[in-house]
Amino acid sequence: MDATTLLKNDHDLVRRLFRAYADQHSDAVTRRSLYKAIRQQLQAHSRLEEQVFYPAVMKVRSEPAREAVRDALEDHHVMDGLLAELDQLEPEDASHADKMRALRENVERHIEEEEDAMFAQARIHLTDERLERLGRDMEALKGAPAGEPIEA
């Protein structure tokens, strides 16, 4: 599977998790469990992007591609801050819902920008073979313990 397809599949999973979390019928235990799944998926996904995909895109001779990566890294920074704040709250806390809404909006905007701008740049400037190899590298990283980098 090529890198952009793998990342798009992860994006779709995150969207589904956010929709499940937003279900008004979810109890606190379910929301807590869904938040943990969202956090885990976002952190794992960011790791794939930051260790494998973004470095490859940064190497292409395209300022729009490099700008898309810089913007995406800033989005990851904002997401990390929101996750840290959410980790300190319980789903029953009034501000938890507001923070989750902010996280979802940030992530959905990030996904849209990434799929539109960065993926297009990657497909223009990286060969199909390179995208496939990056996809394999990301699959390998998914199975590696956190903190263990791989060569892209």
Protein backbone atom coordinates (compact mmCIF):
# COMPACT_ATOMS: atom_id res chain seq x y z
CA MET A 1 0.00 0.00 0.00
CA ASP A 2 1.42 3.38 -0.86
CA ALA A 3 2.09 5.95 1.87
CA THR A 4 -0.78 8.29 1.00
CA THR A 5 -3.30 5.45 0.99
CA LEU A 6 -2.07 4.19 4.36
CA LEU A 7 -2.29 7.68 5.85
CA LYS A 8 -5.75 8.25 4.32
CA ASN A 9 -6.95 5.00 5.92
CA ASP A 10 -5.66 6.24 9.28
CA HIS A 11 -7.45 9.56 8.72
CA ASP A 12 -10.70 7.71 8.04
CA LEU A 13 -10.31 5.73 11.27
CA VAL A 14 -9.74 8.91 13.30
CA ARG A 15 -12.85 10.48 11.74
CA ARG A 16 -14.90 7.43 12.74
CA LEU A 17 -13.56 7.58 16.30
CA PHE A 18 -14.42 11.28 16.60
CA ARG A 19 -17.96 10.59 15.30
CA ALA A 20 -18.39 7.80 17.87
CA TYR A 21 -17.15 10.10 20.63
CA ALA A 22 -19.60 12.83 19.61
CA ASP A 23 -22.53 10.40 19.97
CA GLN A 24 -24.74 12.06 22.55
CA HIS A 25 -25.74 8.69 23.97
CA SER A 26 -22.21 7.73 25.01
CA ASP A 27 -21.67 7.37 28.74
CA ALA A 28 -18.53 8.58 30.56
CA VAL A 29 -16.86 5.16 30.46
CA THR A 30 -17.40 4.89 26.69
CA ARG A 31 -16.20 8.46 26.12
CA ARG A 32 -13.08 7.79 28.21
CA SER A 33 -12.37 4.64 26.20
CA LEU A 34 -12.96 6.44 22.90
CA TYR A 35 -10.73 9.33 23.97
CA LYS A 36 -7.93 6.87 24.74
CA ALA A 37 -8.40 5.25 21.31
CA ILE A 38 -8.36 8.68 19.61
CA ARG A 39 -5.23 9.71 21.50
CA GLN A 40 -3.45 6.44 20.72
CA GLN A 41 -4.36 6.62 17.02
CA LEU A 42 -3.35 10.28 16.70
CA GLN A 43 -0.01 9.70 18.41
CA ALA A 44 0.79 6.61 16.36
CA HIS A 45 -0.24 8.35 13.15
CA SER A 46 1.85 11.43 13.95
CA ARG A 47 4.84 9.17 14.60
CA LEU A 48 4.48 7.62 11.13
CA GLU A 49 4.21 11.01 9.48
CA GLU A 50 7.05 12.64 11.41
CA GLN A 51 9.52 9.77 11.16
CA VAL A 52 8.82 8.53 7.63
CA PHE A 53 6.49 10.55 5.42
CA TYR A 54 7.33 14.17 6.25
CA PRO A 55 11.12 13.73 5.92
CA ALA A 56 10.60 12.25 2.44
CA VAL A 57 8.33 15.13 1.40
CA MET A 58 10.77 17.70 2.84
CA LYS A 59 13.48 16.38 0.52
CA VAL A 60 11.60 17.15 -2.70
CA ARG A 61 12.41 20.28 -4.67
CA SER A 62 9.13 21.98 -4.04
CA GLU A 63 8.55 24.89 -1.71
CA PRO A 64 4.79 24.18 -1.54
CA ALA A 65 5.60 20.62 -0.39
CA ARG A 66 8.00 21.83 2.29
CA GLU A 67 5.52 24.50 3.40
CA ALA A 68 2.81 21.83 3.72
CA VAL A 69 5.12 19.82 5.99
CA ARG A 70 5.93 22.84 8.15
CA ASP A 71 2.21 23.59 8.51
CA ALA A 72 1.49 19.96 9.38
CA LEU A 73 4.19 19.92 12.06
CA GLU A 74 2.65 23.03 13.62
CA ASP A 75 -0.74 21.26 13.59
CA HIS A 76 0.86 18.30 15.38
CA HIS A 77 2.26 20.67 18.01
CA VAL A 78 -1.21 22.14 18.64
CA MET A 79 -2.71 18.63 18.76
CA ASP A 80 -0.08 17.51 21.31
CA GLY A 81 -0.97 20.47 23.52
CA LEU A 82 -4.68 19.71 23.35
CA LEU A 83 -4.04 16.04 24.14
CA ALA A 84 -1.92 17.02 27.16
CA GLU A 85 -4.73 19.24 28.42
CA LEU A 86 -7.33 16.52 27.82
CA ASP A 87 -5.20 14.00 29.72
CA GLN A 88 -5.71 16.16 32.82
CA LEU A 89 -9.52 16.17 32.51
CA GLU A 90 -12.27 13.64 33.03
CA PRO A 91 -14.96 13.23 30.35
CA GLU A 92 -17.49 14.60 32.85
CA ASP A 93 -15.58 17.89 33.21
CA ALA A 94 -17.30 20.80 31.46
CA SER A 95 -14.15 21.89 29.65
CA HIS A 96 -13.49 18.36 28.33
CA ALA A 97 -16.17 18.70 25.66
CA ASP A 98 -14.78 22.07 24.55
CA LYS A 99 -11.23 20.69 24.32
CA MET A 100 -12.45 17.65 22.38
CA ARG A 101 -14.31 19.92 19.98
CA ALA A 102 -11.14 22.00 19.48
CA LEU A 103 -9.09 18.83 18.96
CA ARG A 104 -11.55 17.47 16.43
CA GLU A 105 -11.69 20.74 14.49
CA ASN A 106 -7.89 20.98 14.44
CA VAL A 107 -7.47 17.37 13.33
CA GLU A 108 -10.17 17.59 10.64
CA ARG A 109 -8.63 20.77 9.20
CA HIS A 110 -5.18 19.16 9.32
CA ILE A 111 -6.47 16.06 7.51
CA GLU A 112 -8.15 18.13 4.81
CA GLU A 113 -5.03 20.24 4.20
CA GLU A 114 -2.78 17.19 4.22
CA GLU A 115 -4.92 15.17 1.83
CA ASP A 116 -5.37 18.12 -0.53
CA ALA A 117 -1.99 19.85 -0.56
CA MET A 118 0.67 17.52 0.79
CA PHE A 119 -0.56 14.29 -0.78
CA ALA A 120 -0.81 16.03 -4.16
CA GLN A 121 2.75 17.29 -3.81
CA ALA A 122 3.95 13.83 -2.75
CA ARG A 123 2.31 12.21 -5.78
CA ILE A 124 3.83 14.81 -8.11
CA HIS A 125 7.36 14.66 -6.73
CA LEU A 126 7.76 11.10 -5.43
CA THR A 127 7.69 8.05 -7.67
CA ASP A 128 5.11 5.31 -7.20
CA GLU A 129 7.94 3.04 -6.07
CA ARG A 130 9.05 5.58 -3.44
CA LEU A 131 5.49 5.97 -2.15
CA GLU A 132 5.18 2.18 -1.93
CA ARG A 133 8.48 1.92 -0.03
CA LEU A 134 7.39 4.67 2.35
CA GLY A 135 4.14 2.77 2.90
CA ARG A 136 6.11 -0.39 3.74
CA ASP A 137 8.33 1.60 6.10
CA MET A 138 5.28 3.01 7.87
CA GLU A 139 3.73 -0.45 8.17
CA ALA A 140 6.98 -1.66 9.76
CA LEU A 141 6.99 1.30 12.15
CA LYS A 142 3.42 0.52 13.19
CA GLY A 143 4.74 -2.76 14.59
CA ALA A 144 7.83 -1.24 16.22
CA PRO A 145 7.86 -0.13 19.87
CA ALA A 146 7.31 3.60 20.38
CA GLY A 147 10.50 5.58 20.39
CA GLU A 148 12.26 3.20 18.02
CA PRO A 149 13.01 5.05 14.79
CA ILE A 150 13.41 3.33 11.46
CA GLU A 151 15.29 4.45 8.40
CA ALA A 152 13.09 5.87 5.68
